[in-house]
Amino acid sequence: MTTILIVLLILNAIALITVVLLQSGRSAGLSGAISGGAEQLMGKQKARGIEAFLSKATVILAVLFFVLTILLAYFI
């Protein structure tokens, strides 16, 4: 059982790293950090297409990562 959980955890970690690296940055340098913050707080922009998919995939993979980690700690 622990071997299966370890393999699943490693595959999940690789997928999570890949999905996070595929996401684009939230700001475009220093000018985006100064002016872009107000747009994110005040604007009603929603992620569309691949950005929305990557965002949802990141959340799902992160939750799965924590669940697998807790299960692995329980069985060891």
PDB file of N, CA and C in Angstrom:
ATOM      1  N   MET A   1       0.814  -1.190   0.000  1.00  0.00           N
ATOM      2  CA  MET A   1       0.000   0.000   0.000  1.00  0.00           C
ATOM      3  C   MET A   1       0.861   1.260   0.000  1.00  0.00           C
ATOM      4  N   THR A   2       1.927   1.236   0.795  1.00  0.00           N
ATOM      5  CA  THR A   2       2.787   2.420   0.848  1.00  0.00           C
ATOM      6  C   THR A   2       3.506   2.654  -0.473  1.00  0.00           C
ATOM      7  N   THR A   3       3.862   1.586  -1.165  1.00  0.00           N
ATOM      8  CA  THR A   3       4.529   1.740  -2.459  1.00  0.00           C
ATOM      9  C   THR A   3       3.609   2.411  -3.468  1.00  0.00           C
ATOM     10  N   ILE A   4       2.358   2.020  -3.488  1.00  0.00           N
ATOM     11  CA  ILE A   4       1.390   2.622  -4.402  1.00  0.00           C
ATOM     12  C   ILE A   4       1.208   4.098  -4.069  1.00  0.00           C
ATOM     13  N   LEU A   5       1.106   4.420  -2.773  1.00  0.00           N
ATOM     14  CA  LEU A   5       0.948   5.809  -2.370  1.00  0.00           C
ATOM     15  C   LEU A   5       2.171   6.649  -2.711  1.00  0.00           C
ATOM     16  N   ILE A   6       3.360   6.088  -2.551  1.00  0.00           N
ATOM     17  CA  ILE A   6       4.581   6.820  -2.889  1.00  0.00           C
ATOM     18  C   ILE A   6       4.646   7.094  -4.382  1.00  0.00           C
ATOM     19  N   VAL A   7       4.301   6.103  -5.203  1.00  0.00           N
ATOM     20  CA  VAL A   7       4.310   6.298  -6.660  1.00  0.00           C
ATOM     21  C   VAL A   7       3.287   7.353  -7.066  1.00  0.00           C
ATOM     22  N   LEU A   8       2.085   7.292  -6.479  1.00  0.00           N
ATOM     23  CA  LEU A   8       1.060   8.291  -6.778  1.00  0.00           C
ATOM     24  C   LEU A   8       1.484   9.680  -6.331  1.00  0.00           C
ATOM     25  N   LEU A   9       2.147   9.769  -5.190  1.00  0.00           N
ATOM     26  CA  LEU A   9       2.610  11.054  -4.682  1.00  0.00           C
ATOM     27  C   LEU A   9       3.687  11.652  -5.583  1.00  0.00           C
ATOM     28  N   ILE A  10       4.587  10.832  -6.075  1.00  0.00           N
ATOM     29  CA  ILE A  10       5.633  11.315  -6.974  1.00  0.00           C
ATOM     30  C   ILE A  10       5.034  11.789  -8.294  1.00  0.00           C
ATOM     31  N   LEU A  11       4.105  11.015  -8.855  1.00  0.00           N
ATOM     32  CA  LEU A  11       3.455  11.423 -10.104  1.00  0.00           C
ATOM     33  C   LEU A  11       2.649  12.711  -9.914  1.00  0.00           C
ATOM     34  N   ASN A  12       1.977  12.817  -8.777  1.00  0.00           N
ATOM     35  CA  ASN A  12       1.217  14.018  -8.492  1.00  0.00           C
ATOM     36  C   ASN A  12       2.138  15.224  -8.322  1.00  0.00           C
ATOM     37  N   ALA A  13       3.251  15.052  -7.675  1.00  0.00           N
ATOM     38  CA  ALA A  13       4.194  16.153  -7.488  1.00  0.00           C
ATOM     39  C   ALA A  13       4.751  16.630  -8.822  1.00  0.00           C
ATOM     40  N   ILE A  14       5.073  15.704  -9.715  1.00  0.00           N
ATOM     41  CA  ILE A  14       5.576  16.078 -11.037  1.00  0.00           C
ATOM     42  C   ILE A  14       4.506  16.820 -11.822  1.00  0.00           C
ATOM     43  N   ALA A  15       3.268  16.347 -11.754  1.00  0.00           N
ATOM     44  CA  ALA A  15       2.172  17.022 -12.454  1.00  0.00           C
ATOM     45  C   ALA A  15       1.926  18.407 -11.867  1.00  0.00           C
ATOM     46  N   LEU A  16       1.996  18.533 -10.552  1.00  0.00           N
ATOM     47  CA  LEU A  16       1.776  19.824  -9.899  1.00  0.00           C
ATOM     48  C   LEU A  16       2.865  20.820 -10.277  1.00  0.00           C
ATOM     49  N   ILE A  17       4.099  20.390 -10.305  1.00  0.00           N
ATOM     50  CA  ILE A  17       5.204  21.255 -10.712  1.00  0.00           C
ATOM     51  C   ILE A  17       5.017  21.706 -12.154  1.00  0.00           C
ATOM     52  N   THR A  18       4.615  20.789 -13.016  1.00  0.00           N
ATOM     53  CA  THR A  18       4.419  21.117 -14.428  1.00  0.00           C
ATOM     54  C   THR A  18       3.297  22.132 -14.615  1.00  0.00           C
ATOM     55  N   VAL A  19       2.187  21.926 -13.937  1.00  0.00           N
ATOM     56  CA  VAL A  19       1.049  22.841 -14.078  1.00  0.00           C
ATOM     57  C   VAL A  19       1.397  24.229 -13.542  1.00  0.00           C
ATOM     58  N   VAL A  20       2.110  24.297 -12.440  1.00  0.00           N
ATOM     59  CA  VAL A  20       2.489  25.596 -11.881  1.00  0.00           C
ATOM     60  C   VAL A  20       3.458  26.317 -12.816  1.00  0.00           C
ATOM     61  N   LEU A  21       4.384  25.606 -13.408  1.00  0.00           N
ATOM     62  CA  LEU A  21       5.336  26.245 -14.313  1.00  0.00           C
ATOM     63  C   LEU A  21       4.700  26.677 -15.625  1.00  0.00           C
ATOM     64  N   LEU A  22       3.612  26.053 -16.024  1.00  0.00           N
ATOM     65  CA  LEU A  22       2.935  26.442 -17.261  1.00  0.00           C
ATOM     66  C   LEU A  22       2.103  27.706 -17.102  1.00  0.00           C
ATOM     67  N   GLN A  23       1.770  28.076 -15.875  1.00  0.00           N
ATOM     68  CA  GLN A  23       0.962  29.270 -15.656  1.00  0.00           C
ATOM     69  C   GLN A  23       1.780  30.526 -15.928  1.00  0.00           C
ATOM     70  N   SER A  24       1.097  31.544 -16.447  1.00  0.00           N
ATOM     71  CA  SER A  24       1.775  32.811 -16.686  1.00  0.00           C
ATOM     72  C   SER A  24       1.833  33.603 -15.394  1.00  0.00           C
ATOM     73  N   GLY A  25       2.745  34.545 -15.347  1.00  0.00           N
ATOM     74  CA  GLY A  25       2.895  35.370 -14.163  1.00  0.00           C
ATOM     75  C   GLY A  25       1.725  36.313 -13.979  1.00  0.00           C
ATOM     76  N   ARG A  26       1.507  36.743 -12.740  1.00  0.00           N
ATOM     77  CA  ARG A  26       0.394  37.649 -12.431  1.00  0.00           C
ATOM     78  C   ARG A  26       0.714  39.088 -12.806  1.00  0.00           C
ATOM     79  N   SER A  27       1.969  39.451 -12.886  1.00  0.00           N
ATOM     80  CA  SER A  27       2.327  40.822 -13.219  1.00  0.00           C
ATOM     81  C   SER A  27       3.407  40.817 -14.287  1.00  0.00           C
ATOM     82  N   ALA A  28       3.523  41.950 -14.974  1.00  0.00           N
ATOM     83  CA  ALA A  28       4.512  42.065 -16.046  1.00  0.00           C
ATOM     84  C   ALA A  28       5.660  42.949 -15.583  1.00  0.00           C
ATOM     85  N   GLY A  29       6.439  42.489 -14.648  1.00  0.00           N
ATOM     86  CA  GLY A  29       7.580  43.238 -14.166  1.00  0.00           C
ATOM     87  C   GLY A  29       7.200  44.249 -13.094  1.00  0.00           C
ATOM     88  N   LEU A  30       8.052  45.261 -12.918  1.00  0.00           N
ATOM     89  CA  LEU A  30       7.833  46.247 -11.864  1.00  0.00           C
ATOM     90  C   LEU A  30       6.627  47.128 -12.159  1.00  0.00           C
ATOM     91  N   SER A  31       6.429  47.498 -13.413  1.00  0.00           N
ATOM     92  CA  SER A  31       5.277  48.340 -13.747  1.00  0.00           C
ATOM     93  C   SER A  31       3.970  47.581 -13.539  1.00  0.00           C
ATOM     94  N   GLY A  32       3.962  46.305 -13.794  1.00  0.00           N
ATOM     95  CA  GLY A  32       2.775  45.505 -13.541  1.00  0.00           C
ATOM     96  C   GLY A  32       2.515  45.326 -12.065  1.00  0.00           C
ATOM     97  N   ALA A  33       3.574  45.309 -11.272  1.00  0.00           N
ATOM     98  CA  ALA A  33       3.406  45.162  -9.827  1.00  0.00           C
ATOM     99  C   ALA A  33       2.800  46.417  -9.219  1.00  0.00           C
ATOM    100  N   ILE A  34       3.146  47.589  -9.785  1.00  0.00           N
ATOM    101  CA  ILE A  34       2.631  48.848  -9.235  1.00  0.00           C
ATOM    102  C   ILE A  34       1.207  49.098  -9.708  1.00  0.00           C
ATOM    103  N   SER A  35       0.989  49.010 -11.005  1.00  0.00           N
ATOM    104  CA  SER A  35      -0.341  49.340 -11.529  1.00  0.00           C
ATOM    105  C   SER A  35      -1.251  48.119 -11.656  1.00  0.00           C
ATOM    106  N   GLY A  36      -0.690  46.946 -11.781  1.00  0.00           N
ATOM    107  CA  GLY A  36      -1.495  45.755 -11.997  1.00  0.00           C
ATOM    108  C   GLY A  36      -2.249  45.289 -10.777  1.00  0.00           C
ATOM    109  N   GLY A  37      -1.763  45.638  -9.590  1.00  0.00           N
ATOM    110  CA  GLY A  37      -2.444  45.230  -8.374  1.00  0.00           C
ATOM    111  C   GLY A  37      -3.828  45.832  -8.247  1.00  0.00           C
ATOM    112  N   ALA A  38      -3.957  47.092  -8.655  1.00  0.00           N
ATOM    113  CA  ALA A  38      -5.265  47.751  -8.582  1.00  0.00           C
ATOM    114  C   ALA A  38      -6.232  47.126  -9.582  1.00  0.00           C
ATOM    115  N   GLU A  39      -5.739  46.745 -10.726  1.00  0.00           N
ATOM    116  CA  GLU A  39      -6.599  46.119 -11.726  1.00  0.00           C
ATOM    117  C   GLU A  39      -7.122  44.775 -11.236  1.00  0.00           C
ATOM    118  N   GLN A  40      -6.302  44.032 -10.523  1.00  0.00           N
ATOM    119  CA  GLN A  40      -6.744  42.731 -10.027  1.00  0.00           C
ATOM    120  C   GLN A  40      -7.745  42.883  -8.902  1.00  0.00           C
ATOM    121  N   LEU A  41      -7.586  43.919  -8.080  1.00  0.00           N
ATOM    122  CA  LEU A  41      -8.510  44.110  -6.967  1.00  0.00           C
ATOM    123  C   LEU A  41      -9.829  44.725  -7.435  1.00  0.00           C
ATOM    124  N   MET A  42      -9.739  45.712  -8.297  1.00  0.00           N
ATOM    125  CA  MET A  42     -10.932  46.447  -8.702  1.00  0.00           C
ATOM    126  C   MET A  42     -11.580  45.880  -9.960  1.00  0.00           C
ATOM    127  N   GLY A  43     -10.783  45.306 -10.834  1.00  0.00           N
ATOM    128  CA  GLY A  43     -11.316  44.814 -12.100  1.00  0.00           C
ATOM    129  C   GLY A  43     -12.057  43.509 -11.934  1.00  0.00           C
ATOM    130  N   LYS A  44     -12.945  43.242 -12.866  1.00  0.00           N
ATOM    131  CA  LYS A  44     -13.711  41.990 -12.828  1.00  0.00           C
ATOM    132  C   LYS A  44     -13.266  41.087 -13.963  1.00  0.00           C
ATOM    133  N   GLN A  45     -11.967  40.854 -14.025  1.00  0.00           N
ATOM    134  CA  GLN A  45     -11.432  40.012 -15.073  1.00  0.00           C
ATOM    135  C   GLN A  45     -11.414  38.572 -14.594  1.00  0.00           C
ATOM    136  N   LYS A  46     -11.944  37.706 -15.404  1.00  0.00           N
ATOM    137  CA  LYS A  46     -11.919  36.284 -15.086  1.00  0.00           C
ATOM    138  C   LYS A  46     -10.978  35.584 -16.054  1.00  0.00           C
ATOM    139  N   ALA A  47     -10.322  34.570 -15.548  1.00  0.00           N
ATOM    140  CA  ALA A  47      -9.440  33.793 -16.398  1.00  0.00           C
ATOM    141  C   ALA A  47     -10.273  32.972 -17.380  1.00  0.00           C
ATOM    142  N   ARG A  48      -9.813  32.907 -18.594  1.00  0.00           N
ATOM    143  CA  ARG A  48     -10.542  32.176 -19.615  1.00  0.00           C
ATOM    144  C   ARG A  48      -9.612  31.177 -20.292  1.00  0.00           C
ATOM    145  N   GLY A  49     -10.186  30.162 -20.806  1.00  0.00           N
ATOM    146  CA  GLY A  49      -9.437  29.200 -21.597  1.00  0.00           C
ATOM    147  C   GLY A  49      -8.440  28.408 -20.791  1.00  0.00           C
ATOM    148  N   ILE A  50      -7.206  28.418 -21.307  1.00  0.00           N
ATOM    149  CA  ILE A  50      -6.159  27.598 -20.710  1.00  0.00           C
ATOM    150  C   ILE A  50      -5.784  28.103 -19.316  1.00  0.00           C
ATOM    151  N   GLU A  51      -5.898  29.408 -19.073  1.00  0.00           N
ATOM    152  CA  GLU A  51      -5.571  29.946 -17.750  1.00  0.00           C
ATOM    153  C   GLU A  51      -6.536  29.417 -16.686  1.00  0.00           C
ATOM    154  N   ALA A  52      -7.813  29.351 -17.037  1.00  0.00           N
ATOM    155  CA  ALA A  52      -8.801  28.823 -16.095  1.00  0.00           C
ATOM    156  C   ALA A  52      -8.559  27.342 -15.841  1.00  0.00           C
ATOM    157  N   PHE A  53      -8.234  26.602 -16.890  1.00  0.00           N
ATOM    158  CA  PHE A  53      -7.958  25.168 -16.728  1.00  0.00           C
ATOM    159  C   PHE A  53      -6.744  24.941 -15.841  1.00  0.00           C
ATOM    160  N   LEU A  54      -5.674  25.714 -16.075  1.00  0.00           N
ATOM    161  CA  LEU A  54      -4.469  25.546 -15.273  1.00  0.00           C
ATOM    162  C   LEU A  54      -4.712  25.933 -13.820  1.00  0.00           C
ATOM    163  N   SER A  55      -5.525  26.940 -13.595  1.00  0.00           N
ATOM    164  CA  SER A  55      -5.842  27.352 -12.225  1.00  0.00           C
ATOM    165  C   SER A  55      -6.630  26.263 -11.494  1.00  0.00           C
ATOM    166  N   LYS A  56      -7.633  25.704 -12.147  1.00  0.00           N
ATOM    167  CA  LYS A  56      -8.419  24.632 -11.529  1.00  0.00           C
ATOM    168  C   LYS A  56      -7.573  23.374 -11.327  1.00  0.00           C
ATOM    169  N   ALA A  57      -6.725  23.067 -12.300  1.00  0.00           N
ATOM    170  CA  ALA A  57      -5.871  21.884 -12.189  1.00  0.00           C
ATOM    171  C   ALA A  57      -4.887  22.032 -11.035  1.00  0.00           C
ATOM    172  N   THR A  58      -4.391  23.240 -10.812  1.00  0.00           N
ATOM    173  CA  THR A  58      -3.474  23.478  -9.702  1.00  0.00           C
ATOM    174  C   THR A  58      -4.153  23.224  -8.361  1.00  0.00           C
ATOM    175  N   VAL A  59      -5.363  23.707  -8.212  1.00  0.00           N
ATOM    176  CA  VAL A  59      -6.094  23.503  -6.956  1.00  0.00           C
ATOM    177  C   VAL A  59      -6.368  22.019  -6.732  1.00  0.00           C
ATOM    178  N   ILE A  60      -6.822  21.337  -7.770  1.00  0.00           N
ATOM    179  CA  ILE A  60      -7.140  19.911  -7.640  1.00  0.00           C
ATOM    180  C   ILE A  60      -5.893  19.100  -7.309  1.00  0.00           C
ATOM    181  N   LEU A  61      -4.790  19.374  -8.009  1.00  0.00           N
ATOM    182  CA  LEU A  61      -3.555  18.632  -7.757  1.00  0.00           C
ATOM    183  C   LEU A  61      -2.989  18.941  -6.373  1.00  0.00           C
ATOM    184  N   ALA A  62      -3.132  20.174  -5.905  1.00  0.00           N
ATOM    185  CA  ALA A  62      -2.637  20.527  -4.573  1.00  0.00           C
ATOM    186  C   ALA A  62      -3.435  19.813  -3.486  1.00  0.00           C
ATOM    187  N   VAL A  63      -4.748  19.769  -3.632  1.00  0.00           N
ATOM    188  CA  VAL A  63      -5.582  19.062  -2.653  1.00  0.00           C
ATOM    189  C   VAL A  63      -5.254  17.569  -2.666  1.00  0.00           C
ATOM    190  N   LEU A  64      -5.100  17.007  -3.848  1.00  0.00           N
ATOM    191  CA  LEU A  64      -4.734  15.589  -3.966  1.00  0.00           C
ATOM    192  C   LEU A  64      -3.366  15.321  -3.350  1.00  0.00           C
ATOM    193  N   PHE A  65      -2.435  16.269  -3.512  1.00  0.00           N
ATOM    194  CA  PHE A  65      -1.111  16.127  -2.919  1.00  0.00           C
ATOM    195  C   PHE A  65      -1.200  16.041  -1.398  1.00  0.00           C
ATOM    196  N   PHE A  66      -1.986  16.924  -0.791  1.00  0.00           N
ATOM    197  CA  PHE A  66      -2.124  16.902   0.666  1.00  0.00           C
ATOM    198  C   PHE A  66      -2.826  15.641   1.143  1.00  0.00           C
ATOM    199  N   VAL A  67      -3.832  15.192   0.432  1.00  0.00           N
ATOM    200  CA  VAL A  67      -4.538  13.973   0.815  1.00  0.00           C
ATOM    201  C   VAL A  67      -3.599  12.771   0.738  1.00  0.00           C
ATOM    202  N   LEU A  68      -2.843  12.676  -0.345  1.00  0.00           N
ATOM    203  CA  LEU A  68      -1.896  11.564  -0.483  1.00  0.00           C
ATOM    204  C   LEU A  68      -0.823  11.608   0.590  1.00  0.00           C
ATOM    205  N   THR A  69      -0.369  12.800   0.934  1.00  0.00           N
ATOM    206  CA  THR A  69       0.653  12.934   1.964  1.00  0.00           C
ATOM    207  C   THR A  69       0.124  12.496   3.326  1.00  0.00           C
ATOM    208  N   ILE A  70      -1.095  12.893   3.646  1.00  0.00           N
ATOM    209  CA  ILE A  70      -1.693  12.481   4.921  1.00  0.00           C
ATOM    210  C   ILE A  70      -1.927  10.974   4.964  1.00  0.00           C
ATOM    211  N   LEU A  71      -2.409  10.417   3.857  1.00  0.00           N
ATOM    212  CA  LEU A  71      -2.596   8.968   3.809  1.00  0.00           C
ATOM    213  C   LEU A  71      -1.281   8.211   3.951  1.00  0.00           C
ATOM    214  N   LEU A  72      -0.240   8.721   3.309  1.00  0.00           N
ATOM    215  CA  LEU A  72       1.063   8.068   3.407  1.00  0.00           C
ATOM    216  C   LEU A  72       1.595   8.140   4.831  1.00  0.00           C
ATOM    217  N   ALA A  73       1.413   9.267   5.493  1.00  0.00           N
ATOM    218  CA  ALA A  73       1.860   9.392   6.886  1.00  0.00           C
ATOM    219  C   ALA A  73       1.060   8.457   7.791  1.00  0.00           C
ATOM    220  N   TYR A  74      -0.201   8.249   7.481  1.00  0.00           N
ATOM    221  CA  TYR A  74      -1.044   7.381   8.299  1.00  0.00           C
ATOM    222  C   TYR A  74      -0.604   5.909   8.161  1.00  0.00           C
ATOM    223  N   PHE A  75      -0.264   5.485   6.945  1.00  0.00           N
ATOM    224  CA  PHE A  75       0.086   4.085   6.720  1.00  0.00           C
ATOM    225  C   PHE A  75       1.526   3.751   7.057  1.00  0.00           C
ATOM    226  N   ILE A  76       2.364   4.728   7.245  1.00  0.00           N
ATOM    227  CA  ILE A  76       3.763   4.451   7.606  1.00  0.00           C
ATOM    228  C   ILE A  76       3.895   4.345   9.063  1.00  0.00           C
TER     229      ILE A  76
END
